[in-house]
Each structure stands twice: as structure tokens, then as C-alpha cells.
Amino acid sequence: MANEVERIEWPGYFALDVPKSWQWSEDGRVISIFSPEGGVGAMHVSVARHSRPGYPSTSEVVELAQSLASQRGWTLPADMIRVTKIGMCLASEFTYLEPAERIFWQVWYILGKDRCAFITYSCDEVDSNKEEAERTKLVESFRWQPSP
């Protein structure tokens, strides 16, 4: 069944519900998740230490999104960044279309007290809606695991 998922845990880091028909692999500190049969894009997850003291703020998740956009040369007005909560943690999310290559990007930052998850999904522009339900459910299932 297409809606079946498997809870995958990376002990000491995080857990996600990955569709059973999808595959994942680790390369260094980046986890790639994709559908090998008929998939159109790939999701990448990485985690870093959160260096600011105290609990994350709304302005911080917006700043992270704007910083990435700036580094890539993307124009990203603040009102294009959605601030939400994922698994009780503050998160930001935005989409961007690279005009030259026609590549669609969806980007999330999920901040815990001492960690930050950076999640991206990219595909050709024409395929941007094809895996929307799967990638949305996958990201919404994100939960931090206790630190080692």
C-alpha cells in the first residue's frame, strides 16, 4: 500500500516516518531519502549543533532561511517564509524555484534547544507537486531523539 510508512530512527539524532517504498542512505553526515521507483526528487537531512544559548526564537528560524537564500543568491522576502512547529519544535519552511535551471526547492529548518535540522527537497520544476504529500508527511513526522 502506498501510504505505509516505516519509522526510521537515527539514535541520538532524530526519527522520521519514511514511506516503505522509499529508500534512504547515509553519506557522511547527510541522509538522502528518495523513491527509487517513479520518484522525481530527493530529500536530504543534516543536523548541526545549535549554538545560540536558550530556546530558539521565531526570528532565528527566519534568519536561518534568509541566510541560506542569501548564500545561494536567491531573493527570498520574509513573507515567503512560513514559521510553524514540527514535533513541538520551532521550524521554518519555504519554497523556491531556481529560474536558470528550473529546479524546485523546498527547505525546512527545525530547531531544538541544542540542535538544528536542515532538510531540503529538490526536483525539476514540472514535478514539484508529484511527491508533495509524501514529503510533507515525512517532514511532519520529524522528532528529535535524546542526545547521547
Foldseek 3Di string as FASTA:
>chain_A
DQPQWDWDDDAQWKIWTAGPQKDWDDDPQKIKIFHPPPTFKIKIKGKDWDPDADADDPVVQLVVVVVVCVVVVHDDDSVQWDWDAAQNWIKIWHWDADVPQQKIKIWMWTDDNTMIMIMMMIGHNVCVPVCVVRVVRGRSRMDTHHHD
